[in-house]
Structures are given as C-alpha cells and as structure tokens.
C-alpha cells in the first residue's frame, strides 16, 4: 500500500499522525541511527530516508527497543552506504 501511495505521490502519515513529505527514491540517502542498549553497548540501524528526522521516525517505527526507549538514540548521521 505504501508503494502505491508513493507512486501516486500521496502524503504518507507517520505513526504520530504527522504528514511526511513524500520523497522520491533518488531523494533518499542512507542514515545510520546509533543507540545504546540497557547494558550500555552501542548498536546501529541503517535506514534510507530524506533527512535525519525521518530516519529517527523510521527507527522508532521498526525497532522495538527504540520504540520503547526513544531517548536512547545517541546519534543519527548520513552514511555512505547501509
């Protein structure tokens, strides 16, 4: 369904009800989201997003630990590849 919406360039509503800008595939870049676990080890996830804020929203949506502990995100940066 998301792919159909993106083909038609309809707005996508995030999990918090905020309308996200629909970016084409070429507008997306890889972003790495670093976060700390409860034992203080650092883990990372990579997402293709239009900006760091959208990468944060994707991390919260798709990673259960980050969803439960969003303030454990340490850093979000644009990376060369995922």
PDB file of N, CA and C in Angstrom:
ATOM      1  N   UNK A   1       0.819  -1.186   0.000  1.00  0.00           N
ATOM      2  CA  UNK A   1       0.000   0.000   0.000  1.00  0.00           C
ATOM      3  C   UNK A   1       0.870   1.260   0.000  1.00  0.00           C
ATOM      4  N   UNK A   2       1.956   1.246   0.787  1.00  0.00           N
ATOM      5  CA  UNK A   2       2.855   2.397   0.832  1.00  0.00           C
ATOM      6  C   UNK A   2       3.465   2.654  -0.539  1.00  0.00           C
ATOM      7  N   UNK A   3       3.829   1.591  -1.243  1.00  0.00           N
ATOM      8  CA  UNK A   3       4.416   1.761  -2.568  1.00  0.00           C
ATOM      9  C   UNK A   3       3.413   2.376  -3.535  1.00  0.00           C
ATOM     10  N   UNK A   4       2.139   1.990  -3.431  1.00  0.00           N
ATOM     11  CA  UNK A   4       1.111   2.574  -4.288  1.00  0.00           C
ATOM     12  C   UNK A   4       0.951   4.058  -3.994  1.00  0.00           C
ATOM     13  N   UNK A   5       0.973   4.428  -2.717  1.00  0.00           N
ATOM     14  CA  UNK A   5       0.839   5.832  -2.339  1.00  0.00           C
ATOM     15  C   UNK A   5       2.018   6.639  -2.858  1.00  0.00           C
ATOM     16  N   UNK A   6       3.213   6.044  -2.799  1.00  0.00           N
ATOM     17  CA  UNK A   6       4.393   6.767  -3.241  1.00  0.00           C
ATOM     18  C   UNK A   6       4.400   6.936  -4.759  1.00  0.00           C
ATOM     19  N   UNK A   7       3.880   5.941  -5.482  1.00  0.00           N
ATOM     20  CA  UNK A   7       3.796   6.080  -6.930  1.00  0.00           C
ATOM     21  C   UNK A   7       2.842   7.207  -7.312  1.00  0.00           C
ATOM     22  N   UNK A   8       1.765   7.365  -6.532  1.00  0.00           N
ATOM     23  CA  UNK A   8       0.792   8.420  -6.821  1.00  0.00           C
ATOM     24  C   UNK A   8       1.173   9.737  -6.164  1.00  0.00           C
ATOM     25  N   UNK A   9       2.273   9.751  -5.395  1.00  0.00           N
ATOM     26  CA  UNK A   9       2.786  10.947  -4.720  1.00  0.00           C
ATOM     27  C   UNK A   9       1.794  11.484  -3.688  1.00  0.00           C
ATOM     28  N   UNK A  10       1.068  10.577  -3.006  1.00  0.00           N
ATOM     29  CA  UNK A  10       0.174  10.993  -1.937  1.00  0.00           C
ATOM     30  C   UNK A  10       0.985  11.179  -0.669  1.00  0.00           C
ATOM     31  N   UNK A  11       0.523  12.027   0.252  1.00  0.00           N
ATOM     32  CA  UNK A  11       1.251  12.191   1.508  1.00  0.00           C
ATOM     33  C   UNK A  11       1.190  10.921   2.346  1.00  0.00           C
ATOM     34  N   UNK A  12       2.258  10.649   3.050  1.00  0.00           N
ATOM     35  CA  UNK A  12       2.334   9.492   3.931  1.00  0.00           C
ATOM     36  C   UNK A  12       2.216   9.994   5.359  1.00  0.00           C
ATOM     37  N   UNK A  13       1.336   9.372   6.145  1.00  0.00           N
ATOM     38  CA  UNK A  13       1.147   9.786   7.527  1.00  0.00           C
ATOM     39  C   UNK A  13       1.987   8.885   8.410  1.00  0.00           C
ATOM     40  N   UNK A  14       2.846   9.480   9.239  1.00  0.00           N
ATOM     41  CA  UNK A  14       3.696   8.727  10.150  1.00  0.00           C
ATOM     42  C   UNK A  14       2.906   8.184  11.324  1.00  0.00           C
ATOM     43  N   UNK A  15       3.571   7.451  12.211  1.00  0.00           N
ATOM     44  CA  UNK A  15       2.892   6.819  13.334  1.00  0.00           C
ATOM     45  C   UNK A  15       2.365   7.815  14.348  1.00  0.00           C
ATOM     46  N   UNK A  16       2.835   9.039  14.329  1.00  0.00           N
ATOM     47  CA  UNK A  16       2.343  10.050  15.269  1.00  0.00           C
ATOM     48  C   UNK A  16       1.307  10.948  14.614  1.00  0.00           C
ATOM     49  N   UNK A  17       0.884  10.616  13.398  1.00  0.00           N
ATOM     50  CA  UNK A  17      -0.133  11.386  12.716  1.00  0.00           C
ATOM     51  C   UNK A  17       0.401  12.573  11.939  1.00  0.00           C
ATOM     52  N   UNK A  18       1.703  12.748  11.911  1.00  0.00           N
ATOM     53  CA  UNK A  18       2.310  13.867  11.186  1.00  0.00           C
ATOM     54  C   UNK A  18       2.458  13.483   9.719  1.00  0.00           C
ATOM     55  N   UNK A  19       2.049  14.356   8.827  1.00  0.00           N
ATOM     56  CA  UNK A  19       2.172  14.077   7.398  1.00  0.00           C
ATOM     57  C   UNK A  19       3.625  14.280   6.994  1.00  0.00           C
ATOM     58  N   UNK A  20       4.205  13.225   6.433  1.00  0.00           N
ATOM     59  CA  UNK A  20       5.593  13.275   5.997  1.00  0.00           C
ATOM     60  C   UNK A  20       5.640  13.642   4.522  1.00  0.00           C
ATOM     61  N   UNK A  21       6.679  14.350   4.141  1.00  0.00           N
ATOM     62  CA  UNK A  21       6.873  14.692   2.732  1.00  0.00           C
ATOM     63  C   UNK A  21       7.220  13.413   1.974  1.00  0.00           C
ATOM     64  N   UNK A  22       6.543  13.188   0.875  1.00  0.00           N
ATOM     65  CA  UNK A  22       6.819  12.014   0.056  1.00  0.00           C
ATOM     66  C   UNK A  22       8.030  12.320  -0.810  1.00  0.00           C
ATOM     67  N   UNK A  23       9.089  11.586  -0.587  1.00  0.00           N
ATOM     68  CA  UNK A  23      10.329  11.800  -1.335  1.00  0.00           C
ATOM     69  C   UNK A  23      10.480  10.690  -2.361  1.00  0.00           C
ATOM     70  N   UNK A  24      11.010  11.035  -3.498  1.00  0.00           N
ATOM     71  CA  UNK A  24      11.270  10.005  -4.492  1.00  0.00           C
ATOM     72  C   UNK A  24      12.465   9.175  -4.022  1.00  0.00           C
ATOM     73  N   UNK A  25      12.678   8.065  -4.668  1.00  0.00           N
ATOM     74  CA  UNK A  25      13.761   7.166  -4.272  1.00  0.00           C
ATOM     75  C   UNK A  25      15.112   7.866  -4.390  1.00  0.00           C
ATOM     76  N   UNK A  26      15.262   8.730  -5.375  1.00  0.00           N
ATOM     77  CA  UNK A  26      16.542   9.412  -5.553  1.00  0.00           C
ATOM     78  C   UNK A  26      16.790  10.459  -4.475  1.00  0.00           C
ATOM     79  N   UNK A  27      15.735  10.918  -3.784  1.00  0.00           N
ATOM     80  CA  UNK A  27      15.889  11.897  -2.709  1.00  0.00           C
ATOM     81  C   UNK A  27      16.335  11.258  -1.399  1.00  0.00           C
ATOM     82  N   UNK A  28      16.275   9.946  -1.308  1.00  0.00           N
ATOM     83  CA  UNK A  28      16.601   9.272  -0.057  1.00  0.00           C
ATOM     84  C   UNK A  28      18.078   8.938   0.001  1.00  0.00           C
ATOM     85  N   UNK A  29      18.633   9.092   1.210  1.00  0.00           N
ATOM     86  CA  UNK A  29      20.035   8.755   1.450  1.00  0.00           C
ATOM     87  C   UNK A  29      20.098   7.812   2.643  1.00  0.00           C
ATOM     88  N   UNK A  30      21.174   7.044   2.757  1.00  0.00           N
ATOM     89  CA  UNK A  30      21.306   6.171   3.925  1.00  0.00           C
ATOM     90  C   UNK A  30      21.673   6.971   5.173  1.00  0.00           C
ATOM     91  N   UNK A  31      20.961   6.707   6.259  1.00  0.00           N
ATOM     92  CA  UNK A  31      21.248   7.313   7.559  1.00  0.00           C
ATOM     93  C   UNK A  31      21.460   6.196   8.566  1.00  0.00           C
ATOM     94  N   UNK A  32      22.483   6.330   9.372  1.00  0.00           N
ATOM     95  CA  UNK A  32      22.762   5.374  10.436  1.00  0.00           C
ATOM     96  C   UNK A  32      22.258   5.950  11.749  1.00  0.00           C
ATOM     97  N   UNK A  33      21.504   5.132  12.483  1.00  0.00           N
ATOM     98  CA  UNK A  33      20.967   5.524  13.785  1.00  0.00           C
ATOM     99  C   UNK A  33      21.704   4.712  14.841  1.00  0.00           C
ATOM    100  N   UNK A  34      22.509   5.378  15.667  1.00  0.00           N
ATOM    101  CA  UNK A  34      23.222   4.714  16.758  1.00  0.00           C
ATOM    102  C   UNK A  34      22.412   4.853  18.038  1.00  0.00           C
ATOM    103  N   UNK A  35      22.331   3.761  18.800  1.00  0.00           N
ATOM    104  CA  UNK A  35      21.614   3.797  20.071  1.00  0.00           C
ATOM    105  C   UNK A  35      22.305   2.889  21.075  1.00  0.00           C
ATOM    106  N   UNK A  36      22.075   3.166  22.342  1.00  0.00           N
ATOM    107  CA  UNK A  36      22.664   2.370  23.423  1.00  0.00           C
ATOM    108  C   UNK A  36      21.604   1.455  24.018  1.00  0.00           C
ATOM    109  N   UNK A  37      22.015   0.228  24.320  1.00  0.00           N
ATOM    110  CA  UNK A  37      21.112  -0.734  24.942  1.00  0.00           C
ATOM    111  C   UNK A  37      21.179  -0.585  26.457  1.00  0.00           C
ATOM    112  N   UNK A  38      20.404  -1.388  27.150  1.00  0.00           N
ATOM    113  CA  UNK A  38      20.367  -1.296  28.612  1.00  0.00           C
ATOM    114  C   UNK A  38      21.704  -1.668  29.256  1.00  0.00           C
ATOM    115  N   UNK A  39      22.523  -2.498  28.583  1.00  0.00           N
ATOM    116  CA  UNK A  39      23.848  -2.832  29.120  1.00  0.00           C
ATOM    117  C   UNK A  39      24.923  -1.867  28.614  1.00  0.00           C
ATOM    118  N   UNK A  40      24.498  -0.758  28.021  1.00  0.00           N
ATOM    119  CA  UNK A  40      25.347   0.347  27.571  1.00  0.00           C
ATOM    120  C   UNK A  40      26.219   0.006  26.355  1.00  0.00           C
ATOM    121  N   UNK A  41      25.871  -1.047  25.636  1.00  0.00           N
ATOM    122  CA  UNK A  41      26.580  -1.314  24.383  1.00  0.00           C
ATOM    123  C   UNK A  41      25.924  -0.496  23.266  1.00  0.00           C
ATOM    124  N   UNK A  42      26.693  -0.182  22.253  1.00  0.00           N
ATOM    125  CA  UNK A  42      26.196   0.639  21.150  1.00  0.00           C
ATOM    126  C   UNK A  42      25.834  -0.249  19.969  1.00  0.00           C
ATOM    127  N   UNK A  43      24.630  -0.061  19.455  1.00  0.00           N
ATOM    128  CA  UNK A  43      24.165  -0.765  18.264  1.00  0.00           C
ATOM    129  C   UNK A  43      23.748   0.268  17.232  1.00  0.00           C
ATOM    130  N   UNK A  44      23.600  -0.181  15.998  1.00  0.00           N
ATOM    131  CA  UNK A  44      23.196   0.751  14.952  1.00  0.00           C
ATOM    132  C   UNK A  44      22.235   0.089  13.985  1.00  0.00           C
ATOM    133  N   UNK A  45      21.378   0.899  13.397  1.00  0.00           N
ATOM    134  CA  UNK A  45      20.474   0.509  12.318  1.00  0.00           C
ATOM    135  C   UNK A  45      20.652   1.499  11.185  1.00  0.00           C
ATOM    136  N   UNK A  46      20.438   1.032   9.978  1.00  0.00           N
ATOM    137  CA  UNK A  46      20.557   1.919   8.820  1.00  0.00           C
ATOM    138  C   UNK A  46      19.206   2.006   8.122  1.00  0.00           C
ATOM    139  N   UNK A  47      18.811   3.221   7.744  1.00  0.00           N
ATOM    140  CA  UNK A  47      17.544   3.467   7.066  1.00  0.00           C
ATOM    141  C   UNK A  47      17.772   4.412   5.903  1.00  0.00           C
ATOM    142  N   UNK A  48      17.026   4.218   4.835  1.00  0.00           N
ATOM    143  CA  UNK A  48      17.034   5.168   3.732  1.00  0.00           C
ATOM    144  C   UNK A  48      15.926   6.174   4.001  1.00  0.00           C
ATOM    145  N   UNK A  49      16.309   7.441   4.128  1.00  0.00           N
ATOM    146  CA  UNK A  49      15.355   8.493   4.472  1.00  0.00           C
ATOM    147  C   UNK A  49      15.742   9.791   3.781  1.00  0.00           C
ATOM    148  N   UNK A  50      14.809  10.736   3.778  1.00  0.00           N
ATOM    149  CA  UNK A  50      15.081  12.030   3.144  1.00  0.00           C
ATOM    150  C   UNK A  50      15.859  12.956   4.064  1.00  0.00           C
ATOM    151  N   UNK A  51      15.744  12.756   5.389  1.00  0.00           N
ATOM    152  CA  UNK A  51      16.507  13.563   6.343  1.00  0.00           C
ATOM    153  C   UNK A  51      16.654  12.784   7.648  1.00  0.00           C
ATOM    154  N   UNK A  52      17.396  13.350   8.586  1.00  0.00           N
ATOM    155  CA  UNK A  52      17.681  12.660   9.849  1.00  0.00           C
ATOM    156  C   UNK A  52      16.417  12.472  10.686  1.00  0.00           C
ATOM    157  N   UNK A  53      15.507  13.438  10.626  1.00  0.00           N
ATOM    158  CA  UNK A  53      14.274  13.310  11.404  1.00  0.00           C
ATOM    159  C   UNK A  53      13.441  12.132  10.909  1.00  0.00           C
ATOM    160  N   UNK A  54      13.342  11.972   9.603  1.00  0.00           N
ATOM    161  CA  UNK A  54      12.605  10.836   9.065  1.00  0.00           C
ATOM    162  C   UNK A  54      13.311   9.522   9.414  1.00  0.00           C
ATOM    163  N   UNK A  55      14.638   9.511   9.435  1.00  0.00           N
ATOM    164  CA  UNK A  55      15.379   8.314   9.844  1.00  0.00           C
ATOM    165  C   UNK A  55      15.053   7.961  11.291  1.00  0.00           C
ATOM    166  N   UNK A  56      14.925   8.977  12.146  1.00  0.00           N
ATOM    167  CA  UNK A  56      14.555   8.750  13.547  1.00  0.00           C
ATOM    168  C   UNK A  56      13.153   8.148  13.645  1.00  0.00           C
ATOM    169  N   UNK A  57      12.207   8.692  12.874  1.00  0.00           N
ATOM    170  CA  UNK A  57      10.848   8.153  12.882  1.00  0.00           C
ATOM    171  C   UNK A  57      10.818   6.709  12.396  1.00  0.00           C
ATOM    172  N   UNK A  58      11.594   6.402  11.372  1.00  0.00           N
ATOM    173  CA  UNK A  58      11.659   5.026  10.875  1.00  0.00           C
ATOM    174  C   UNK A  58      12.268   4.095  11.913  1.00  0.00           C
ATOM    175  N   UNK A  59      13.297   4.563  12.613  1.00  0.00           N
ATOM    176  CA  UNK A  59      13.917   3.745  13.662  1.00  0.00           C
ATOM    177  C   UNK A  59      12.917   3.453  14.772  1.00  0.00           C
ATOM    178  N   UNK A  60      12.156   4.450  15.162  1.00  0.00           N
ATOM    179  CA  UNK A  60      11.150   4.257  16.211  1.00  0.00           C
ATOM    180  C   UNK A  60      10.068   3.292  15.743  1.00  0.00           C
ATOM    181  N   UNK A  61       9.709   3.377  14.479  1.00  0.00           N
ATOM    182  CA  UNK A  61       8.647   2.528  13.955  1.00  0.00           C
ATOM    183  C   UNK A  61       9.078   1.073  13.794  1.00  0.00           C
ATOM    184  N   UNK A  62      10.319   0.826  13.364  1.00  0.00           N
ATOM    185  CA  UNK A  62      10.732  -0.524  13.006  1.00  0.00           C
ATOM    186  C   UNK A  62      11.623  -1.227  14.027  1.00  0.00           C
ATOM    187  N   UNK A  63      12.114  -0.541  15.030  1.00  0.00           N
ATOM    188  CA  UNK A  63      12.962  -1.164  16.044  1.00  0.00           C
ATOM    189  C   UNK A  63      12.216  -1.127  17.376  1.00  0.00           C
ATOM    190  N   UNK A  64      11.871  -2.293  17.901  1.00  0.00           N
ATOM    191  CA  UNK A  64      11.063  -2.349  19.124  1.00  0.00           C
ATOM    192  C   UNK A  64      11.772  -1.740  20.324  1.00  0.00           C
ATOM    193  N   UNK A  65      13.082  -1.928  20.427  1.00  0.00           N
ATOM    194  CA  UNK A  65      13.806  -1.351  21.563  1.00  0.00           C
ATOM    195  C   UNK A  65      13.780   0.175  21.496  1.00  0.00           C
ATOM    196  N   UNK A  66      14.017   0.728  20.303  1.00  0.00           N
ATOM    197  CA  UNK A  66      13.981   2.184  20.156  1.00  0.00           C
ATOM    198  C   UNK A  66      12.560   2.704  20.358  1.00  0.00           C
ATOM    199  N   UNK A  67      11.577   1.925  19.935  1.00  0.00           N
ATOM    200  CA  UNK A  67      10.184   2.330  20.143  1.00  0.00           C
ATOM    201  C   UNK A  67       9.892   2.480  21.637  1.00  0.00           C
ATOM    202  N   UNK A  68      10.417   1.556  22.447  1.00  0.00           N
ATOM    203  CA  UNK A  68      10.200   1.610  23.898  1.00  0.00           C
ATOM    204  C   UNK A  68      11.118   2.610  24.588  1.00  0.00           C
ATOM    205  N   UNK A  69      12.291   2.898  23.998  1.00  0.00           N
ATOM    206  CA  UNK A  69      13.283   3.793  24.613  1.00  0.00           C
ATOM    207  C   UNK A  69      13.819   4.787  23.582  1.00  0.00           C
ATOM    208  N   UNK A  70      13.008   5.710  23.084  1.00  0.00           N
ATOM    209  CA  UNK A  70      13.474   6.615  22.017  1.00  0.00           C
ATOM    210  C   UNK A  70      14.601   7.545  22.452  1.00  0.00           C
ATOM    211  N   UNK A  71      14.738   7.819  23.735  1.00  0.00           N
ATOM    212  CA  UNK A  71      15.805   8.708  24.205  1.00  0.00           C
ATOM    213  C   UNK A  71      17.161   8.015  24.277  1.00  0.00           C
ATOM    214  N   UNK A  72      17.215   6.730  23.953  1.00  0.00           N
ATOM    215  CA  UNK A  72      18.491   6.014  23.928  1.00  0.00           C
ATOM    216  C   UNK A  72      19.231   6.217  22.602  1.00  0.00           C
ATOM    217  N   UNK A  73      18.613   6.934  21.657  1.00  0.00           N
ATOM    218  CA  UNK A  73      19.305   7.254  20.405  1.00  0.00           C
ATOM    219  C   UNK A  73      20.434   8.219  20.722  1.00  0.00           C
ATOM    220  N   UNK A  74      21.638   7.856  20.309  1.00  0.00           N
ATOM    221  CA  UNK A  74      22.824   8.654  20.596  1.00  0.00           C
ATOM    222  C   UNK A  74      23.130   9.608  19.450  1.00  0.00           C
ATOM    223  N   UNK A  75      23.030   9.096  18.219  1.00  0.00           N
ATOM    224  CA  UNK A  75      23.468   9.889  17.074  1.00  0.00           C
ATOM    225  C   UNK A  75      22.789   9.393  15.807  1.00  0.00           C
ATOM    226  N   UNK A  76      22.477  10.315  14.914  1.00  0.00           N
ATOM    227  CA  UNK A  76      21.957   9.985  13.588  1.00  0.00           C
ATOM    228  C   UNK A  76      22.827  10.730  12.588  1.00  0.00           C
ATOM    229  N   UNK A  77      23.405   9.992  11.648  1.00  0.00           N
ATOM    230  CA  UNK A  77      24.265  10.655  10.673  1.00  0.00           C
ATOM    231  C   UNK A  77      24.094  10.028   9.298  1.00  0.00           C
ATOM    232  N   UNK A  78      24.357  10.829   8.288  1.00  0.00           N
ATOM    233  CA  UNK A  78      24.306  10.364   6.911  1.00  0.00           C
ATOM    234  C   UNK A  78      25.533   9.495   6.659  1.00  0.00           C
ATOM    235  N   UNK A  79      25.303   8.295   6.159  1.00  0.00           N
ATOM    236  CA  UNK A  79      26.409   7.369   5.927  1.00  0.00           C
ATOM    237  C   UNK A  79      26.535   7.092   4.430  1.00  0.00           C
ATOM    238  N   UNK A  80      27.715   6.677   3.978  1.00  0.00           N
ATOM    239  CA  UNK A  80      27.902   6.425   2.543  1.00  0.00           C
ATOM    240  C   UNK A  80      27.053   5.264   2.028  1.00  0.00           C
ATOM    241  N   UNK A  81      26.912   4.206   2.815  1.00  0.00           N
ATOM    242  CA  UNK A  81      26.100   3.047   2.428  1.00  0.00           C
ATOM    243  C   UNK A  81      25.497   2.430   3.672  1.00  0.00           C
ATOM    244  N   UNK A  82      24.505   1.580   3.452  1.00  0.00           N
ATOM    245  CA  UNK A  82      23.920   0.829   4.571  1.00  0.00           C
ATOM    246  C   UNK A  82      24.590  -0.518   4.684  1.00  0.00           C
TER     247      UNK A  82
END
